[in-house]
Structure formats: C-alpha cells, structure tokens
Amino acid sequence: MVHLSIAYKFSDQPTRNRLEHPLVDVLESVLATGSIAQAAKDMHRSFRSVWGELKHWETELNTHLIVWGRTGKGAELTPQALAFLRAVSETHIDLERQIEQIKTRLENCIATLKNT
C-alpha cells in the first residue's frame, strides 16, 4: 500500500501552494509533450531515468500509466493516469485556501519568534 505524507519547509523565497511529487511532474510533462523522451529532456533527466520511474510507479501502484509498445508514436497517458492527474488538480484547488491560511499562521509565528 502507498501512503501519503504531507510536509512543509521553511524558505526565504515564496513557495507554490501545491503538492509536489516526482510522479506528478513526470506525468504532467508526458501529457504536455506527448513524449517520454521530450519530457525527460524538458526535466533535464535521461530518458532511461524517466522510463524507469514510470515503470517503478506502475509496479508500485499496480496500474498502467503509459500506453506502451507504440514505438515511434509518442506517449499517451492511460485513463487511470489522466484520472490521477485530475484528482491531483482538484486536490490542489481544494487545498489552496487552507494551505494559504496555514502558511500565514506559521509565518506570523515565525515573525513573533524573530522579534522575541
């Protein structure tokens, strides 16, 4: 079973209010480019590492993420992968307000600590 863990980090620069995971990044890039090779290039990674990561997650999640075996015809996400990306997108929308409130509260706490 795969478990979700949410963490936060301190930064001196503004951060994005989104859940980040390498699988999401890979799937979004493959969806945008239509190619594992182009996704790897855009992510400054090797084709082999992106391909290996996709295969790893297919095994871990026990589902197909990419339509495989279409040599030279680009890459296409499976309906399961598309549904996963939709769920992630909907989760980002749901969490955006709450994350902003949490960040504001913690930033205020940090400001208080710095002034003591």
N, C-alpha and C. Protein backbone atom coordinates (compact mmCIF):
# COMPACT_ATOMS: atom_id res chain seq x y z
N MET A 1 0.83 -1.17 0.00
CA MET A 1 0.00 0.00 0.00
C MET A 1 0.88 1.24 0.00
N VAL A 2 0.46 2.26 -0.73
CA VAL A 2 1.16 3.53 -0.79
C VAL A 2 0.47 4.50 0.16
N HIS A 3 1.27 5.20 0.96
CA HIS A 3 0.73 6.16 1.92
C HIS A 3 1.16 7.57 1.51
N LEU A 4 0.34 8.53 1.82
CA LEU A 4 0.62 9.93 1.51
C LEU A 4 1.14 10.63 2.75
N SER A 5 2.19 11.38 2.57
CA SER A 5 2.74 12.19 3.65
C SER A 5 2.84 13.62 3.14
N ILE A 6 2.38 14.57 3.93
CA ILE A 6 2.44 15.97 3.55
C ILE A 6 3.42 16.66 4.51
N ALA A 7 4.34 17.41 3.95
CA ALA A 7 5.35 18.10 4.75
C ALA A 7 5.43 19.55 4.30
N TYR A 8 6.01 20.39 5.13
CA TYR A 8 6.25 21.76 4.74
C TYR A 8 7.72 22.08 4.99
N LYS A 9 8.17 23.17 4.37
CA LYS A 9 9.55 23.58 4.55
C LYS A 9 9.61 25.09 4.72
N PHE A 10 10.65 25.55 5.38
CA PHE A 10 10.89 26.97 5.53
C PHE A 10 11.74 27.42 4.35
N SER A 11 11.43 28.61 3.83
CA SER A 11 12.16 29.14 2.69
C SER A 11 12.20 30.65 2.79
N ASP A 12 13.28 31.24 2.30
CA ASP A 12 13.33 32.70 2.28
C ASP A 12 12.71 33.26 1.00
N GLN A 13 12.22 32.37 0.15
CA GLN A 13 11.54 32.75 -1.08
C GLN A 13 10.10 32.25 -1.05
N PRO A 14 9.17 32.95 -1.73
CA PRO A 14 7.80 32.44 -1.79
C PRO A 14 7.77 31.04 -2.43
N THR A 15 6.86 30.22 -1.97
CA THR A 15 6.74 28.86 -2.49
C THR A 15 5.37 28.65 -3.12
N ARG A 16 5.26 27.62 -3.94
CA ARG A 16 4.00 27.29 -4.58
C ARG A 16 3.14 26.52 -3.60
N ASN A 17 1.84 26.76 -3.67
CA ASN A 17 0.89 26.03 -2.83
C ASN A 17 0.39 24.81 -3.60
N ARG A 18 1.21 23.83 -3.70
CA ARG A 18 0.80 22.62 -4.39
C ARG A 18 1.52 21.42 -3.83
N LEU A 19 0.87 20.28 -3.95
CA LEU A 19 1.50 19.03 -3.57
C LEU A 19 2.49 18.69 -4.67
N GLU A 20 3.69 18.36 -4.29
CA GLU A 20 4.71 18.04 -5.27
C GLU A 20 5.13 16.59 -5.11
N HIS A 21 5.27 15.93 -6.22
CA HIS A 21 5.74 14.56 -6.23
C HIS A 21 6.37 14.29 -7.60
N PRO A 22 7.47 13.60 -7.64
CA PRO A 22 8.12 13.33 -8.93
C PRO A 22 7.20 12.65 -9.95
N LEU A 23 6.31 11.77 -9.51
CA LEU A 23 5.40 11.10 -10.44
C LEU A 23 4.47 12.11 -11.10
N VAL A 24 3.95 13.04 -10.32
CA VAL A 24 3.06 14.07 -10.88
C VAL A 24 3.82 14.88 -11.92
N ASP A 25 5.05 15.27 -11.60
CA ASP A 25 5.86 16.05 -12.53
C ASP A 25 6.08 15.28 -13.84
N VAL A 26 6.40 14.00 -13.73
CA VAL A 26 6.65 13.19 -14.93
C VAL A 26 5.37 13.05 -15.75
N LEU A 27 4.26 12.72 -15.12
CA LEU A 27 3.01 12.55 -15.85
C LEU A 27 2.56 13.85 -16.51
N GLU A 28 2.68 14.96 -15.80
CA GLU A 28 2.30 16.25 -16.39
C GLU A 28 3.18 16.58 -17.59
N SER A 29 4.46 16.28 -17.50
CA SER A 29 5.37 16.56 -18.60
C SER A 29 5.08 15.66 -19.81
N VAL A 30 4.83 14.38 -19.56
CA VAL A 30 4.49 13.46 -20.66
C VAL A 30 3.18 13.90 -21.32
N LEU A 31 2.21 14.31 -20.52
CA LEU A 31 0.94 14.78 -21.06
C LEU A 31 1.15 16.02 -21.93
N ALA A 32 1.97 16.95 -21.45
CA ALA A 32 2.20 18.20 -22.18
C ALA A 32 2.99 17.98 -23.47
N THR A 33 3.95 17.06 -23.45
CA THR A 33 4.85 16.89 -24.60
C THR A 33 4.43 15.76 -25.53
N GLY A 34 3.69 14.79 -25.00
CA GLY A 34 3.33 13.63 -25.80
C GLY A 34 4.48 12.68 -26.04
N SER A 35 5.53 12.82 -25.24
CA SER A 35 6.72 12.01 -25.47
C SER A 35 7.50 11.84 -24.17
N ILE A 36 7.90 10.61 -23.91
CA ILE A 36 8.74 10.36 -22.74
C ILE A 36 10.11 11.00 -22.96
N ALA A 37 10.64 10.90 -24.17
CA ALA A 37 11.95 11.48 -24.47
C ALA A 37 11.92 13.00 -24.30
N GLN A 38 10.89 13.65 -24.80
CA GLN A 38 10.80 15.10 -24.67
C GLN A 38 10.56 15.51 -23.22
N ALA A 39 9.74 14.73 -22.51
CA ALA A 39 9.51 15.01 -21.09
C ALA A 39 10.84 14.93 -20.33
N ALA A 40 11.62 13.90 -20.61
CA ALA A 40 12.93 13.74 -19.96
C ALA A 40 13.83 14.94 -20.27
N LYS A 41 13.85 15.34 -21.52
CA LYS A 41 14.68 16.48 -21.93
C LYS A 41 14.23 17.74 -21.21
N ASP A 42 12.92 17.99 -21.17
CA ASP A 42 12.40 19.19 -20.51
C ASP A 42 12.68 19.19 -19.01
N MET A 43 12.76 17.99 -18.42
CA MET A 43 13.02 17.87 -16.98
C MET A 43 14.51 17.76 -16.68
N HIS A 44 15.35 17.85 -17.73
CA HIS A 44 16.81 17.73 -17.59
C HIS A 44 17.19 16.39 -16.96
N ARG A 45 16.52 15.34 -17.46
CA ARG A 45 16.79 13.98 -16.99
C ARG A 45 17.01 13.10 -18.20
N SER A 46 17.52 11.92 -17.96
CA SER A 46 17.71 10.98 -19.06
C SER A 46 16.39 10.25 -19.35
N PHE A 47 16.26 9.81 -20.58
CA PHE A 47 15.09 9.02 -20.96
C PHE A 47 14.99 7.80 -20.06
N ARG A 48 16.13 7.15 -19.83
CA ARG A 48 16.15 5.93 -19.02
C ARG A 48 15.64 6.18 -17.61
N SER A 49 16.00 7.29 -17.00
CA SER A 49 15.55 7.55 -15.62
C SER A 49 14.05 7.82 -15.57
N VAL A 50 13.52 8.54 -16.56
CA VAL A 50 12.08 8.81 -16.59
C VAL A 50 11.32 7.52 -16.89
N TRP A 51 11.81 6.75 -17.84
CA TRP A 51 11.17 5.48 -18.18
C TRP A 51 11.18 4.56 -16.96
N GLY A 52 12.32 4.49 -16.27
CA GLY A 52 12.43 3.66 -15.08
C GLY A 52 11.49 4.11 -13.98
N GLU A 53 11.34 5.42 -13.81
CA GLU A 53 10.44 5.93 -12.79
C GLU A 53 8.99 5.57 -13.12
N LEU A 54 8.62 5.70 -14.38
CA LEU A 54 7.26 5.32 -14.79
C LEU A 54 7.01 3.84 -14.53
N LYS A 55 7.96 3.00 -14.91
CA LYS A 55 7.82 1.56 -14.68
C LYS A 55 7.74 1.25 -13.18
N HIS A 56 8.57 1.93 -12.38
CA HIS A 56 8.54 1.74 -10.93
C HIS A 56 7.14 2.04 -10.39
N TRP A 57 6.56 3.17 -10.78
CA TRP A 57 5.26 3.55 -10.24
C TRP A 57 4.14 2.67 -10.77
N GLU A 58 4.29 2.17 -11.98
CA GLU A 58 3.29 1.22 -12.48
C GLU A 58 3.29 -0.04 -11.61
N THR A 59 4.46 -0.51 -11.25
CA THR A 59 4.57 -1.68 -10.38
C THR A 59 4.04 -1.37 -8.99
N GLU A 60 4.47 -0.24 -8.44
CA GLU A 60 4.09 0.16 -7.08
C GLU A 60 2.57 0.35 -6.95
N LEU A 61 1.97 0.96 -7.97
CA LEU A 61 0.53 1.27 -7.94
C LEU A 61 -0.33 0.17 -8.56
N ASN A 62 0.34 -0.81 -9.16
CA ASN A 62 -0.35 -1.93 -9.80
C ASN A 62 -1.36 -1.45 -10.85
N THR A 63 -0.91 -0.51 -11.68
CA THR A 63 -1.75 0.00 -12.77
C THR A 63 -0.85 0.51 -13.89
N HIS A 64 -1.40 0.60 -15.07
CA HIS A 64 -0.65 1.16 -16.19
C HIS A 64 -0.82 2.68 -16.20
N LEU A 65 0.26 3.38 -16.48
CA LEU A 65 0.23 4.84 -16.55
C LEU A 65 0.43 5.36 -17.96
N ILE A 66 1.16 4.60 -18.77
CA ILE A 66 1.50 4.98 -20.14
C ILE A 66 1.04 3.87 -21.07
N VAL A 67 0.57 4.26 -22.25
CA VAL A 67 0.26 3.27 -23.27
C VAL A 67 1.60 2.88 -23.89
N TRP A 68 2.08 1.67 -23.58
CA TRP A 68 3.39 1.21 -24.02
C TRP A 68 3.29 0.44 -25.33
N GLY A 69 4.43 0.30 -25.99
CA GLY A 69 4.52 -0.56 -27.15
C GLY A 69 4.15 0.10 -28.46
N ARG A 70 4.12 1.40 -28.50
CA ARG A 70 3.79 2.11 -29.74
C ARG A 70 5.03 2.84 -30.23
N THR A 71 6.07 2.12 -30.51
CA THR A 71 7.36 2.69 -30.88
C THR A 71 7.20 3.75 -31.97
N GLY A 72 7.77 4.92 -31.68
CA GLY A 72 7.77 6.00 -32.65
C GLY A 72 6.47 6.79 -32.72
N LYS A 73 5.50 6.43 -31.91
CA LYS A 73 4.21 7.11 -31.98
C LYS A 73 3.97 8.01 -30.78
N GLY A 74 5.00 8.33 -30.03
CA GLY A 74 4.83 9.19 -28.87
C GLY A 74 4.30 8.43 -27.68
N ALA A 75 3.98 9.18 -26.65
CA ALA A 75 3.49 8.58 -25.40
C ALA A 75 2.11 9.13 -25.09
N GLU A 76 1.30 8.28 -24.56
CA GLU A 76 -0.06 8.66 -24.20
C GLU A 76 -0.34 8.15 -22.80
N LEU A 77 -0.96 9.00 -21.98
CA LEU A 77 -1.33 8.57 -20.63
C LEU A 77 -2.57 7.69 -20.70
N THR A 78 -2.62 6.71 -19.81
CA THR A 78 -3.79 5.84 -19.72
C THR A 78 -4.93 6.61 -19.04
N PRO A 79 -6.15 6.12 -19.16
CA PRO A 79 -7.26 6.75 -18.44
C PRO A 79 -7.00 6.82 -16.93
N GLN A 80 -6.32 5.81 -16.37
CA GLN A 80 -6.00 5.82 -14.95
C GLN A 80 -5.06 6.97 -14.60
N ALA A 81 -4.05 7.20 -15.43
CA ALA A 81 -3.10 8.28 -15.19
C ALA A 81 -3.78 9.64 -15.33
N LEU A 82 -4.66 9.76 -16.34
CA LEU A 82 -5.40 11.01 -16.51
C LEU A 82 -6.32 11.28 -15.32
N ALA A 83 -6.97 10.23 -14.82
CA ALA A 83 -7.84 10.37 -13.64
C ALA A 83 -7.02 10.79 -12.42
N PHE A 84 -5.83 10.22 -12.28
CA PHE A 84 -4.94 10.58 -11.17
C PHE A 84 -4.57 12.06 -11.25
N LEU A 85 -4.18 12.54 -12.45
CA LEU A 85 -3.82 13.95 -12.60
C LEU A 85 -5.02 14.86 -12.33
N ARG A 86 -6.21 14.46 -12.75
CA ARG A 86 -7.41 15.24 -12.45
C ARG A 86 -7.63 15.32 -10.93
N ALA A 87 -7.46 14.19 -10.25
CA ALA A 87 -7.63 14.17 -8.79
C ALA A 87 -6.61 15.07 -8.11
N VAL A 88 -5.37 15.04 -8.59
CA VAL A 88 -4.33 15.91 -8.03
C VAL A 88 -4.70 17.37 -8.25
N SER A 89 -5.16 17.70 -9.45
CA SER A 89 -5.56 19.07 -9.76
C SER A 89 -6.72 19.53 -8.87
N GLU A 90 -7.71 18.68 -8.70
CA GLU A 90 -8.85 19.01 -7.83
C GLU A 90 -8.40 19.17 -6.38
N THR A 91 -7.46 18.35 -5.96
CA THR A 91 -6.92 18.45 -4.61
C THR A 91 -6.19 19.78 -4.42
N HIS A 92 -5.43 20.20 -5.43
CA HIS A 92 -4.75 21.50 -5.35
C HIS A 92 -5.76 22.62 -5.15
N ILE A 93 -6.85 22.57 -5.90
CA ILE A 93 -7.88 23.60 -5.77
C ILE A 93 -8.50 23.57 -4.38
N ASP A 94 -8.82 22.37 -3.90
CA ASP A 94 -9.42 22.22 -2.57
C ASP A 94 -8.49 22.73 -1.46
N LEU A 95 -7.21 22.46 -1.61
CA LEU A 95 -6.25 22.78 -0.54
C LEU A 95 -5.68 24.19 -0.60
N GLU A 96 -5.82 24.86 -1.72
CA GLU A 96 -5.15 26.15 -1.90
C GLU A 96 -5.47 27.14 -0.77
N ARG A 97 -6.75 27.32 -0.46
CA ARG A 97 -7.15 28.26 0.59
C ARG A 97 -6.60 27.82 1.95
N GLN A 98 -6.76 26.54 2.25
CA GLN A 98 -6.29 26.04 3.55
C GLN A 98 -4.77 26.17 3.68
N ILE A 99 -4.06 25.86 2.64
CA ILE A 99 -2.59 25.96 2.68
C ILE A 99 -2.19 27.41 2.90
N GLU A 100 -2.85 28.34 2.22
CA GLU A 100 -2.52 29.75 2.40
C GLU A 100 -2.76 30.20 3.84
N GLN A 101 -3.84 29.74 4.44
CA GLN A 101 -4.12 30.07 5.85
C GLN A 101 -3.06 29.50 6.78
N ILE A 102 -2.67 28.26 6.53
CA ILE A 102 -1.63 27.62 7.36
C ILE A 102 -0.31 28.36 7.20
N LYS A 103 0.05 28.70 5.96
CA LYS A 103 1.30 29.43 5.73
C LYS A 103 1.28 30.77 6.46
N THR A 104 0.17 31.49 6.37
CA THR A 104 0.07 32.80 7.04
C THR A 104 0.23 32.64 8.54
N ARG A 105 -0.44 31.64 9.11
CA ARG A 105 -0.35 31.40 10.55
C ARG A 105 1.09 31.08 10.96
N LEU A 106 1.75 30.20 10.22
CA LEU A 106 3.13 29.83 10.56
C LEU A 106 4.10 30.99 10.33
N GLU A 107 3.88 31.76 9.27
CA GLU A 107 4.74 32.92 9.03
C GLU A 107 4.60 33.95 10.15
N ASN A 108 3.37 34.11 10.65
CA ASN A 108 3.16 35.01 11.79
C ASN A 108 3.87 34.49 13.04
N CYS A 109 3.83 33.19 13.25
CA CYS A 109 4.54 32.58 14.39
C CYS A 109 6.04 32.80 14.27
N ILE A 110 6.56 32.63 13.08
CA ILE A 110 8.00 32.83 12.85
C ILE A 110 8.38 34.28 13.09
N ALA A 111 7.54 35.20 12.61
CA ALA A 111 7.80 36.63 12.82
C ALA A 111 7.82 36.94 14.31
N THR A 112 6.91 36.33 15.06
CA THR A 112 6.87 36.52 16.51
C THR A 112 8.14 35.98 17.16
N LEU A 113 8.59 34.81 16.73
CA LEU A 113 9.82 34.22 17.27
C LEU A 113 11.03 35.12 16.99
N LYS A 114 11.09 35.68 15.81
CA LYS A 114 12.22 36.52 15.43
C LYS A 114 12.25 37.81 16.26
N ASN A 115 11.10 38.27 16.70
CA ASN A 115 11.01 39.53 17.44
C ASN A 115 11.15 39.35 18.95
N THR A 116 11.35 38.12 19.40
CA THR A 116 11.47 37.89 20.85
C THR A 116 12.92 37.73 21.25
